[in-house]
N, C-alpha and C. Protein backbone atom coordinates (compact mmCIF):
# COMPACT_ATOMS: atom_id res chain seq x y z
N MET A 1 241.38 -71.92 33.33
CA MET A 1 240.37 -70.90 33.63
C MET A 1 239.72 -70.78 34.92
N THR A 2 239.52 -70.05 35.45
CA THR A 2 238.97 -69.77 36.65
C THR A 2 237.30 -69.30 36.38
N GLY A 3 236.38 -69.76 36.84
CA GLY A 3 235.22 -69.44 36.56
C GLY A 3 234.43 -70.03 35.33
N GLY A 4 232.98 -69.90 35.40
CA GLY A 4 232.60 -70.53 33.92
C GLY A 4 231.21 -70.85 34.33
N HIS A 5 230.61 -71.68 33.84
CA HIS A 5 229.29 -72.25 33.95
C HIS A 5 229.61 -73.52 33.42
N LEU A 6 229.31 -74.84 34.39
CA LEU A 6 229.69 -76.21 33.48
C LEU A 6 228.06 -76.78 33.70
N GLN A 7 227.67 -77.14 32.30
CA GLN A 7 226.41 -78.09 32.45
C GLN A 7 226.85 -79.51 32.55
N ILE A 8 226.11 -80.49 33.40
CA ILE A 8 226.42 -81.61 33.53
C ILE A 8 225.57 -82.23 33.09
N VAL A 9 225.21 -83.40 32.48
CA VAL A 9 224.20 -84.30 32.23
C VAL A 9 224.62 -85.80 32.37
N VAL A 10 223.81 -86.35 33.38
CA VAL A 10 224.27 -87.73 34.14
C VAL A 10 223.17 -88.43 33.69
N CYS A 11 223.88 -89.62 33.32
CA CYS A 11 223.20 -90.78 32.66
C CYS A 11 222.77 -92.28 33.52
N ALA A 12 222.32 -92.99 33.57
CA ALA A 12 221.85 -94.38 34.38
C ALA A 12 222.80 -95.16 34.69
N ALA A 13 224.10 -94.59 35.32
CA ALA A 13 225.03 -95.58 35.92
C ALA A 13 225.52 -95.29 37.12
N GLY A 14 226.06 -96.47 37.77
CA GLY A 14 226.55 -96.57 39.28
C GLY A 14 227.25 -94.95 39.82
N PRO A 15 228.25 -94.36 38.77
CA PRO A 15 229.05 -93.10 39.09
C PRO A 15 227.94 -92.12 39.56
N ALA A 16 226.94 -91.95 38.62
CA ALA A 16 225.84 -91.15 38.91
C ALA A 16 225.93 -90.38 40.32
N ALA A 17 225.64 -91.64 41.40
CA ALA A 17 225.54 -91.01 42.56
C ALA A 17 226.81 -90.52 43.55
N ASP A 18 227.84 -90.33 42.61
CA ASP A 18 229.02 -89.53 42.94
C ASP A 18 229.09 -88.11 42.15
N VAL A 19 228.20 -87.81 41.64
CA VAL A 19 228.09 -86.58 40.93
C VAL A 19 228.56 -85.29 41.57
N ALA A 20 228.63 -85.39 43.03
CA ALA A 20 228.79 -84.20 43.94
C ALA A 20 230.34 -84.09 43.90
N GLN A 21 231.09 -85.10 43.55
CA GLN A 21 232.82 -85.06 43.58
C GLN A 21 232.96 -83.82 42.25
N LEU A 22 232.43 -83.78 41.14
CA LEU A 22 232.16 -83.08 40.32
C LEU A 22 231.96 -81.99 40.66
N ILE A 23 230.75 -81.43 41.11
CA ILE A 23 230.24 -80.24 41.56
C ILE A 23 231.24 -79.65 42.28
N SER A 24 231.85 -80.36 43.44
CA SER A 24 232.55 -79.89 44.28
C SER A 24 233.58 -79.59 43.95
N ALA A 25 234.83 -80.05 42.83
CA ALA A 25 235.69 -79.93 42.37
C ALA A 25 235.28 -78.59 41.37
N ALA A 26 234.41 -78.32 40.71
CA ALA A 26 234.07 -77.14 40.01
C ALA A 26 233.68 -76.18 40.80
N GLN A 27 233.23 -75.84 41.86
CA GLN A 27 232.66 -75.07 42.71
C GLN A 27 234.25 -74.46 43.09
N LYS A 28 235.37 -75.35 43.59
CA LYS A 28 236.52 -74.88 43.79
C LYS A 28 237.44 -74.10 43.18
N HIS A 29 236.73 -74.02 41.87
CA HIS A 29 237.49 -73.10 40.79
C HIS A 29 236.36 -72.19 40.28
N SER A 30 235.93 -71.90 41.30
CA SER A 30 234.57 -70.63 40.76
C SER A 30 233.81 -70.95 39.67
N TRP A 31 233.35 -72.30 39.44
CA TRP A 31 232.58 -72.91 38.76
C TRP A 31 231.25 -72.84 39.06
N THR A 32 230.01 -72.74 38.44
CA THR A 32 228.75 -72.55 38.90
C THR A 32 228.23 -74.07 38.16
N THR A 33 227.41 -74.77 38.53
CA THR A 33 227.15 -75.58 37.88
C THR A 33 225.52 -75.83 38.14
N ALA A 34 225.30 -76.87 36.92
CA ALA A 34 223.58 -77.19 37.12
C ALA A 34 223.69 -78.90 36.34
N VAL A 35 222.50 -79.55 36.59
CA VAL A 35 222.68 -80.96 36.73
C VAL A 35 221.23 -81.31 35.95
N THR A 36 221.32 -82.12 34.98
CA THR A 36 220.14 -82.57 33.84
C THR A 36 220.74 -83.92 34.07
N ALA A 37 219.68 -84.54 34.63
CA ALA A 37 219.73 -85.98 34.37
C ALA A 37 218.49 -86.53 33.43
N THR A 38 219.16 -87.85 32.79
CA THR A 38 218.08 -88.63 32.16
C THR A 38 217.03 -89.32 32.73
N PRO A 39 216.17 -89.69 32.21
CA PRO A 39 214.79 -90.05 33.36
C PRO A 39 215.21 -91.52 33.98
N ASN A 40 215.92 -92.32 33.42
CA ASN A 40 216.27 -93.43 34.10
C ASN A 40 217.71 -93.31 35.28
N SER A 41 218.27 -91.84 35.04
CA SER A 41 219.11 -91.81 36.33
C SER A 41 218.93 -90.96 37.42
N ILE A 42 217.21 -90.77 37.44
CA ILE A 42 217.06 -90.14 38.70
C ILE A 42 217.31 -90.77 39.88
N GLY A 43 216.98 -92.33 39.55
CA GLY A 43 217.13 -93.34 40.67
C GLY A 43 218.33 -93.17 41.58
N PHE A 44 219.77 -92.80 40.65
CA PHE A 44 220.87 -92.53 41.14
C PHE A 44 221.11 -91.88 42.24
N LEU A 45 220.74 -90.53 42.17
CA LEU A 45 220.93 -89.50 42.61
C LEU A 45 220.37 -89.19 43.95
N ASP A 46 220.39 -88.28 44.58
CA ASP A 46 219.73 -87.70 45.53
C ASP A 46 219.63 -86.05 45.19
N ALA A 47 218.77 -86.03 44.38
CA ALA A 47 218.59 -84.88 43.83
C ALA A 47 218.49 -83.44 44.85
N PRO A 48 217.72 -83.58 46.18
CA PRO A 48 217.75 -82.49 46.84
C PRO A 48 219.35 -81.98 47.33
N ALA A 49 220.09 -82.96 47.39
CA ALA A 49 221.34 -82.79 48.09
C ALA A 49 222.09 -81.69 46.71
N ILE A 50 221.94 -82.34 45.21
CA ILE A 50 222.65 -81.96 44.15
C ILE A 50 221.96 -80.63 43.74
N GLU A 51 220.62 -80.40 44.52
CA GLU A 51 219.99 -78.75 44.11
C GLU A 51 220.77 -78.16 45.49
N GLU A 52 220.91 -78.81 46.53
CA GLU A 52 221.39 -77.71 47.32
C GLU A 52 222.72 -77.21 47.30
N LEU A 53 223.71 -78.02 46.69
CA LEU A 53 224.91 -77.84 46.16
C LEU A 53 225.29 -76.79 45.31
N THR A 54 224.32 -76.91 44.21
CA THR A 54 224.32 -76.26 43.03
C THR A 54 223.42 -74.63 42.87
N GLY A 55 222.37 -75.06 43.77
CA GLY A 55 221.45 -73.83 43.77
C GLY A 55 220.54 -74.05 42.63
N ALA A 56 220.20 -74.85 41.74
CA ALA A 56 219.38 -74.80 40.69
C ALA A 56 218.83 -76.43 40.65
N ALA A 57 217.57 -76.45 40.07
CA ALA A 57 216.68 -77.50 39.99
C ALA A 57 217.40 -78.84 39.33
N VAL A 58 217.73 -79.91 39.73
CA VAL A 58 217.84 -81.05 38.83
C VAL A 58 216.87 -81.08 37.80
N ARG A 59 217.33 -81.35 36.51
CA ARG A 59 216.05 -80.90 35.34
C ARG A 59 215.93 -82.89 34.76
N SER A 60 214.93 -83.42 34.47
CA SER A 60 214.96 -84.68 33.87
C SER A 60 213.56 -84.32 33.23
N SER A 61 212.94 -83.17 32.74
CA SER A 61 211.95 -82.94 31.82
C SER A 61 211.85 -82.02 31.87
N TYR A 62 211.20 -81.69 30.44
CA TYR A 62 211.01 -80.48 29.81
C TYR A 62 210.57 -79.32 30.45
N ARG A 63 209.38 -79.41 31.57
CA ARG A 63 208.85 -78.59 32.33
C ARG A 63 208.31 -79.34 33.29
N VAL A 64 208.42 -78.73 34.74
CA VAL A 64 208.13 -79.24 35.65
C VAL A 64 206.56 -78.55 36.29
N SER A 65 207.00 -77.34 36.35
CA SER A 65 205.66 -76.11 36.32
C SER A 65 205.69 -75.37 35.57
N PRO A 66 204.62 -74.58 35.79
CA PRO A 66 204.22 -73.32 34.86
C PRO A 66 205.53 -72.14 34.75
N GLY A 67 205.76 -71.88 36.03
CA GLY A 67 207.21 -71.04 36.42
C GLY A 67 208.42 -71.43 35.97
N ASP A 68 208.46 -72.51 35.52
CA ASP A 68 209.92 -73.06 35.49
C ASP A 68 210.71 -72.56 34.04
N ARG A 69 212.00 -72.14 34.41
CA ARG A 69 212.50 -71.31 32.95
C ARG A 69 212.61 -72.71 31.94
N ARG A 70 212.74 -72.49 30.43
CA ARG A 70 212.36 -73.51 29.22
C ARG A 70 214.03 -73.81 28.73
N SER A 71 214.42 -72.78 28.96
CA SER A 71 215.91 -72.58 28.00
C SER A 71 217.01 -73.07 28.66
N LEU A 72 218.09 -73.64 28.08
CA LEU A 72 219.24 -73.90 28.89
C LEU A 72 219.92 -72.66 28.95
N PRO A 73 221.14 -72.74 30.22
CA PRO A 73 221.85 -71.97 30.79
C PRO A 73 222.93 -71.79 29.64
N ALA A 74 223.48 -70.57 29.67
CA ALA A 74 224.77 -70.22 28.86
C ALA A 74 225.56 -70.94 29.59
N ALA A 75 226.12 -72.04 28.71
CA ALA A 75 227.15 -73.17 29.48
C ALA A 75 228.59 -72.76 28.75
N ASP A 76 229.73 -72.33 29.77
CA ASP A 76 230.93 -72.60 29.15
C ASP A 76 231.54 -74.07 28.86
N ALA A 77 230.92 -75.24 29.30
CA ALA A 77 231.36 -76.58 29.08
C ALA A 77 230.18 -77.47 29.62
N LEU A 78 229.76 -78.40 28.33
CA LEU A 78 228.99 -79.45 29.11
C LEU A 78 230.22 -80.65 29.27
N LEU A 79 229.47 -81.26 30.41
CA LEU A 79 229.90 -82.87 30.88
C LEU A 79 229.35 -83.77 31.04
N ILE A 80 229.69 -84.70 29.87
CA ILE A 80 228.54 -85.65 29.98
C ILE A 80 228.73 -86.87 30.89
N ALA A 81 228.74 -87.16 32.34
CA ALA A 81 229.30 -88.27 33.22
C ALA A 81 228.36 -88.72 33.93
N PRO A 82 228.23 -90.26 34.24
CA PRO A 82 228.83 -91.20 33.39
C PRO A 82 227.80 -91.25 32.10
N ALA A 83 228.28 -91.26 31.19
CA ALA A 83 227.59 -91.86 29.99
C ALA A 83 227.53 -93.28 29.57
N THR A 84 226.32 -93.85 29.33
CA THR A 84 225.83 -95.20 29.08
C THR A 84 226.26 -95.23 27.55
N TYR A 85 226.30 -96.52 27.43
CA TYR A 85 226.27 -97.06 26.13
C TYR A 85 224.96 -96.49 25.21
N ASN A 86 223.74 -96.70 25.52
CA ASN A 86 222.84 -96.23 25.04
C ASN A 86 222.69 -94.75 24.95
N SER A 87 222.82 -93.88 26.02
CA SER A 87 222.98 -92.27 26.10
C SER A 87 224.24 -92.15 24.65
N ILE A 88 225.08 -92.60 24.86
CA ILE A 88 226.56 -92.05 23.76
C ILE A 88 225.76 -92.77 22.31
N ASN A 89 225.34 -93.83 21.95
CA ASN A 89 224.77 -93.94 20.93
C ASN A 89 223.93 -93.09 20.40
N LYS A 90 222.74 -92.60 20.96
CA LYS A 90 221.40 -91.65 21.04
C LYS A 90 222.51 -90.28 20.66
N ILE A 91 223.47 -89.95 21.39
CA ILE A 91 223.81 -88.49 21.23
C ILE A 91 224.47 -88.73 19.80
N ALA A 92 225.06 -89.59 19.60
CA ALA A 92 225.76 -89.89 18.15
C ALA A 92 225.04 -89.82 17.22
N LEU A 93 223.59 -90.49 17.22
CA LEU A 93 222.91 -90.53 16.01
C LEU A 93 222.04 -88.87 16.26
N GLY A 94 221.75 -88.36 17.23
CA GLY A 94 221.40 -87.25 17.43
C GLY A 94 219.77 -87.69 17.60
N LEU A 95 219.43 -88.25 18.46
CA LEU A 95 218.09 -88.90 19.00
C LEU A 95 217.98 -87.99 20.09
N ALA A 96 216.86 -87.09 20.57
CA ALA A 96 216.55 -86.57 21.29
C ALA A 96 215.20 -86.89 22.40
N ASP A 97 215.12 -87.87 22.63
CA ASP A 97 214.02 -88.40 22.91
C ASP A 97 213.34 -88.07 24.49
N ASN A 98 214.54 -87.03 25.26
CA ASN A 98 214.05 -86.57 26.60
C ASN A 98 214.77 -85.60 26.48
N TYR A 99 214.46 -84.84 27.89
CA TYR A 99 214.86 -83.39 28.05
C TYR A 99 216.55 -83.68 27.90
N ALA A 100 217.29 -84.62 28.70
CA ALA A 100 218.62 -84.88 28.38
C ALA A 100 219.07 -84.66 27.14
N MET A 101 218.83 -85.29 26.68
CA MET A 101 219.30 -85.65 25.16
C MET A 101 219.12 -84.63 24.13
N THR A 102 217.98 -83.80 24.34
CA THR A 102 217.91 -82.61 23.74
C THR A 102 218.58 -81.31 23.99
N SER A 103 218.96 -81.46 25.09
CA SER A 103 219.96 -80.38 25.81
C SER A 103 221.16 -80.71 25.45
N VAL A 104 221.36 -82.16 25.36
CA VAL A 104 222.97 -82.30 24.66
C VAL A 104 223.06 -82.18 23.54
N ALA A 105 221.99 -82.64 22.51
CA ALA A 105 222.15 -82.13 21.38
C ALA A 105 222.25 -80.88 20.45
N GLU A 106 221.36 -79.87 21.80
CA GLU A 106 221.61 -78.27 21.16
C GLU A 106 222.64 -77.60 21.50
N LEU A 107 222.98 -78.37 22.78
CA LEU A 107 224.64 -77.52 23.39
C LEU A 107 225.81 -77.71 22.58
N ILE A 108 225.99 -79.19 22.11
CA ILE A 108 227.04 -79.75 20.83
C ILE A 108 226.45 -78.69 19.75
N GLY A 109 225.76 -78.79 19.23
CA GLY A 109 224.96 -78.15 18.23
C GLY A 109 225.84 -76.66 18.10
N ARG A 110 225.81 -75.95 19.38
CA ARG A 110 226.17 -74.29 19.91
C ARG A 110 227.50 -74.58 19.96
N LYS A 111 228.13 -75.61 19.59
CA LYS A 111 229.73 -75.60 19.54
C LYS A 111 230.16 -75.24 21.23
N VAL A 112 229.28 -75.87 22.20
CA VAL A 112 229.80 -75.90 23.51
C VAL A 112 230.89 -76.96 23.88
N PRO A 113 232.52 -76.37 24.42
CA PRO A 113 232.70 -77.69 24.30
C PRO A 113 232.46 -78.72 25.33
N THR A 114 232.71 -80.13 24.68
CA THR A 114 232.12 -81.21 25.21
C THR A 114 232.91 -82.50 25.71
N VAL A 115 232.81 -82.82 26.86
CA VAL A 115 233.45 -84.02 27.53
C VAL A 115 232.45 -84.97 27.81
N ILE A 116 232.91 -86.29 27.25
CA ILE A 116 232.14 -87.16 27.51
C ILE A 116 232.86 -88.29 28.16
N VAL A 117 232.34 -88.93 29.24
CA VAL A 117 232.85 -90.02 29.91
C VAL A 117 232.04 -91.00 30.12
N PRO A 118 232.66 -92.07 29.22
CA PRO A 118 231.92 -93.24 29.28
C PRO A 118 232.00 -94.33 30.74
N PHE A 119 230.80 -95.17 30.54
CA PHE A 119 231.24 -95.78 31.98
C PHE A 119 230.24 -97.14 31.00
N VAL A 120 230.89 -97.84 30.47
CA VAL A 120 230.42 -98.91 29.84
C VAL A 120 231.76 -100.47 30.20
N ASN A 121 231.02 -101.24 29.86
CA ASN A 121 232.21 -102.74 29.86
C ASN A 121 232.76 -102.89 28.93
N ALA A 122 233.52 -103.89 28.57
CA ALA A 122 233.99 -103.91 27.51
C ALA A 122 233.38 -104.83 26.54
N ALA A 123 232.49 -105.77 26.76
CA ALA A 123 231.97 -106.11 25.80
C ALA A 123 230.60 -105.37 25.10
N LEU A 124 230.15 -104.13 25.70
CA LEU A 124 229.46 -103.01 25.18
C LEU A 124 230.57 -102.35 24.23
N ALA A 125 231.77 -102.01 25.05
CA ALA A 125 232.81 -101.26 24.40
C ALA A 125 233.15 -101.65 23.06
N ALA A 126 233.05 -103.11 22.93
CA ALA A 126 233.63 -103.73 21.81
C ALA A 126 232.65 -103.60 20.18
N ARG A 127 231.36 -103.32 20.48
CA ARG A 127 230.21 -103.56 19.72
C ARG A 127 230.55 -102.41 18.78
N SER A 128 230.23 -102.39 17.63
CA SER A 128 230.50 -101.51 16.23
C SER A 128 229.66 -100.46 16.57
N PRO A 129 228.24 -100.41 16.79
CA PRO A 129 227.68 -99.07 17.15
C PRO A 129 228.35 -98.10 17.96
N PHE A 130 228.89 -98.74 19.21
CA PHE A 130 229.31 -97.77 20.38
C PHE A 130 230.58 -97.20 19.57
N ARG A 131 231.66 -98.22 18.97
CA ARG A 131 232.64 -98.03 18.33
C ARG A 131 232.37 -96.71 17.37
N HIS A 132 231.43 -96.74 16.29
CA HIS A 132 231.31 -95.88 15.43
C HIS A 132 230.46 -94.50 16.02
N ALA A 133 229.90 -94.79 17.39
CA ALA A 133 229.23 -93.63 17.98
C ALA A 133 230.54 -92.72 18.18
N VAL A 134 231.46 -93.12 19.30
CA VAL A 134 232.77 -92.73 19.55
C VAL A 134 233.31 -91.90 18.67
N ALA A 135 233.66 -92.77 17.39
CA ALA A 135 234.44 -91.78 16.34
C ALA A 135 233.24 -91.03 15.94
N SER A 136 232.18 -90.60 15.73
CA SER A 136 231.42 -89.56 15.29
C SER A 136 231.47 -88.79 16.08
N LEU A 137 231.23 -88.71 17.54
CA LEU A 137 231.39 -87.52 18.42
C LEU A 137 232.40 -87.12 18.34
N ARG A 138 233.48 -88.14 18.21
CA ARG A 138 235.05 -86.96 17.89
C ARG A 138 235.15 -86.11 16.99
N GLU A 139 234.23 -86.96 15.64
CA GLU A 139 234.90 -86.17 14.86
C GLU A 139 233.88 -84.48 14.84
N GLU A 140 232.83 -85.02 15.38
CA GLU A 140 232.28 -83.33 15.71
C GLU A 140 232.79 -82.46 16.55
N GLY A 141 234.08 -83.01 17.48
CA GLY A 141 234.56 -81.97 18.01
C GLY A 141 234.30 -82.48 19.65
N ALA A 142 233.43 -83.42 20.02
CA ALA A 142 233.41 -83.99 21.26
C ALA A 142 234.60 -84.53 21.85
N HIS A 143 234.87 -84.48 23.35
CA HIS A 143 235.95 -85.15 23.54
C HIS A 143 235.82 -85.99 24.28
N ILE A 144 235.83 -87.23 24.00
CA ILE A 144 235.63 -88.65 24.64
C ILE A 144 236.51 -89.26 25.53
N LEU A 145 236.52 -89.22 27.13
CA LEU A 145 237.49 -89.22 27.84
C LEU A 145 237.60 -90.90 27.64
N LEU A 146 238.54 -91.83 27.14
CA LEU A 146 238.31 -93.16 26.75
C LEU A 146 239.51 -93.83 25.66
N GLY A 147 240.03 -94.44 26.47
CA GLY A 147 241.14 -95.14 26.02
C GLY A 147 242.60 -94.95 26.87
N PRO A 148 243.75 -95.71 26.21
CA PRO A 148 245.24 -95.55 27.02
C PRO A 148 245.13 -93.95 27.00
N GLU A 149 245.33 -93.14 26.40
CA GLU A 149 245.64 -91.79 26.17
C GLU A 149 245.14 -91.05 27.27
N ASN A 150 243.76 -91.52 27.49
CA ASN A 150 243.01 -90.66 28.57
C ASN A 150 243.07 -91.49 30.06
N GLN A 151 243.76 -92.85 29.87
CA GLN A 151 243.75 -93.32 31.20
C GLN A 151 242.36 -93.75 31.49
N TRP A 152 241.44 -94.05 30.86
CA TRP A 152 240.21 -94.83 31.09
C TRP A 152 239.59 -95.46 30.01
N GLU A 153 239.62 -96.97 30.75
CA GLU A 153 239.23 -97.95 29.88
C GLU A 153 237.65 -98.72 30.09
N PRO A 154 237.28 -99.28 29.11
CA PRO A 154 236.00 -99.82 29.60
C PRO A 154 236.06 -101.01 30.61
N HIS A 155 235.77 -101.51 31.51
CA HIS A 155 235.67 -102.43 32.60
C HIS A 155 235.08 -103.87 32.21
N PRO A 156 235.62 -105.06 32.59
CA PRO A 156 235.11 -105.99 32.16
C PRO A 156 233.61 -106.25 32.83
N PRO A 157 232.81 -106.82 32.34
CA PRO A 157 231.45 -106.86 32.38
C PRO A 157 231.58 -107.69 34.03
N GLY A 158 230.41 -107.09 34.70
CA GLY A 158 229.87 -107.56 36.10
C GLY A 158 230.76 -106.62 37.13
N SER A 159 231.83 -106.00 36.34
CA SER A 159 232.79 -105.36 37.60
C SER A 159 232.79 -103.60 37.77
N GLY A 160 231.66 -103.42 37.35
CA GLY A 160 231.19 -102.12 37.34
C GLY A 160 231.31 -101.13 38.49
N LYS A 161 230.54 -102.12 39.60
CA LYS A 161 230.71 -101.48 41.02
C LYS A 161 232.34 -101.27 41.58
N ASP A 162 232.85 -101.92 41.20
CA ASP A 162 234.74 -101.59 41.80
C ASP A 162 235.04 -100.81 41.21
N ARG A 163 234.70 -100.42 39.61
CA ARG A 163 235.29 -99.39 38.89
C ARG A 163 234.50 -98.45 38.95
N GLN A 164 233.44 -98.18 39.72
CA GLN A 164 232.87 -96.71 40.24
C GLN A 164 233.90 -95.78 40.84
N ARG A 165 234.33 -96.58 41.79
CA ARG A 165 235.33 -96.11 42.78
C ARG A 165 236.35 -95.15 41.90
N THR A 166 236.71 -95.57 40.87
CA THR A 166 237.80 -95.01 40.31
C THR A 166 237.44 -93.93 39.16
N PHE A 167 236.34 -93.58 39.22
CA PHE A 167 235.76 -93.06 37.83
C PHE A 167 236.26 -91.55 38.04
N PRO A 168 236.67 -90.80 36.82
CA PRO A 168 237.64 -90.25 36.80
C PRO A 168 237.10 -88.58 36.72
N TRP A 169 236.21 -88.37 37.89
CA TRP A 169 235.59 -86.90 37.79
C TRP A 169 236.54 -85.75 37.55
N THR A 170 237.68 -85.69 38.71
CA THR A 170 238.86 -84.81 38.31
C THR A 170 239.16 -84.27 37.05
N THR A 171 239.87 -85.61 36.28
CA THR A 171 240.24 -85.79 34.93
C THR A 171 239.16 -84.84 33.91
N ALA A 172 237.79 -85.38 33.90
CA ALA A 172 236.88 -84.66 33.10
C ALA A 172 236.55 -83.49 33.51
N PHE A 173 236.73 -82.58 34.86
CA PHE A 173 236.58 -81.61 35.17
C PHE A 173 237.74 -80.82 34.62
N GLU A 174 238.79 -81.25 34.60
CA GLU A 174 240.29 -80.30 34.03
C GLU A 174 239.95 -80.25 32.39
N THR A 175 239.64 -81.48 31.82
CA THR A 175 239.63 -81.49 30.60
C THR A 175 238.43 -80.49 30.20
N ALA A 176 237.54 -80.25 30.84
CA ALA A 176 236.40 -79.25 30.37
C ALA A 176 236.81 -77.80 30.44
N THR A 177 237.46 -77.68 31.56
CA THR A 177 238.00 -76.24 31.82
C THR A 177 238.99 -75.91 30.64
N ARG A 178 240.12 -76.90 30.24
CA ARG A 178 241.15 -76.83 29.06
C ARG A 178 240.53 -76.29 28.01
N LEU A 179 239.48 -77.35 27.70
CA LEU A 179 238.55 -77.01 26.33
C LEU A 179 237.81 -75.52 26.49
N ALA A 180 237.38 -75.25 27.47
CA ALA A 180 236.45 -74.34 27.63
C ALA A 180 237.41 -72.74 27.58
N ASP A 181 238.46 -73.21 28.03
CA ASP A 181 239.40 -72.05 27.86
C ASP A 181 240.29 -71.81 26.81
N ALA A 182 240.12 -72.99 25.85
CA ALA A 182 240.64 -72.76 24.68
C ALA A 182 239.58 -72.09 23.48
N ALA A 183 238.16 -72.66 23.95
CA ALA A 183 237.23 -71.72 23.50
C ALA A 183 237.25 -70.40 23.70
N ARG A 184 237.17 -70.05 24.84
CA ARG A 184 237.30 -68.60 25.14
C ARG A 184 238.38 -67.67 24.37
N SER A 185 239.55 -68.15 24.44
CA SER A 185 240.39 -67.81 23.83
C SER A 185 240.14 -67.52 22.36
N ALA A 186 240.03 -68.60 21.56
CA ALA A 186 239.75 -68.33 20.17
C ALA A 186 238.85 -67.46 19.73
N ARG A 187 237.51 -67.24 20.81
CA ARG A 187 236.88 -66.14 20.73
C ARG A 187 237.16 -64.71 20.75
N SER A 188 238.23 -64.67 21.44
CA SER A 188 238.70 -63.40 21.85
C SER A 188 239.67 -63.09 21.33
N GLY A 189 240.46 -64.22 20.03
CA GLY A 189 241.42 -63.66 18.96
C GLY A 189 242.53 -63.87 19.90
N HIS A 190 242.47 -64.92 20.86
CA HIS A 190 243.95 -64.81 21.43
C HIS A 190 244.00 -66.31 21.09
N GLY A 191 243.69 -67.29 20.49
CA GLY A 191 244.17 -68.46 20.40
C GLY A 191 244.72 -69.29 18.90
């Protein structure tokens, strides 16, 4: 699919600093993008540079000023990357304790094609709450880019900085576009 709107939610992990790679990949395929950041991820981002790239404010709170739009833009796909252990567990439980988590809950509820790319270490990924959260989100229709079939595995504890360089931005975007295309085809009766 060429064109569409990609809603990106960034969580507080090292690869967040490289989200411009995802934005650029989307723009090369005529997609518009907007970035929503969890409160803790703001420190990882160069918000002015992202805003210049996307043409939209980086949102991390419900309302910054009286003139700000409060509603979500119509999204063809939602990409949550990097997704932290904490955020994945919150999303699966339906916790909406900040603007980013509320946005995610609403977009998943609207059945917007969703791709989640975890950035967790193997010790956290081995925990039962995380495994249950991943299974629950998959059951709800979210595509979790995790496991041998997705060529993206949790990294050993303490090796996140090295793993950041290989974060699968391109694969995440390609997966989101494939899901958005399938949803578009289904809506038009061609799927």
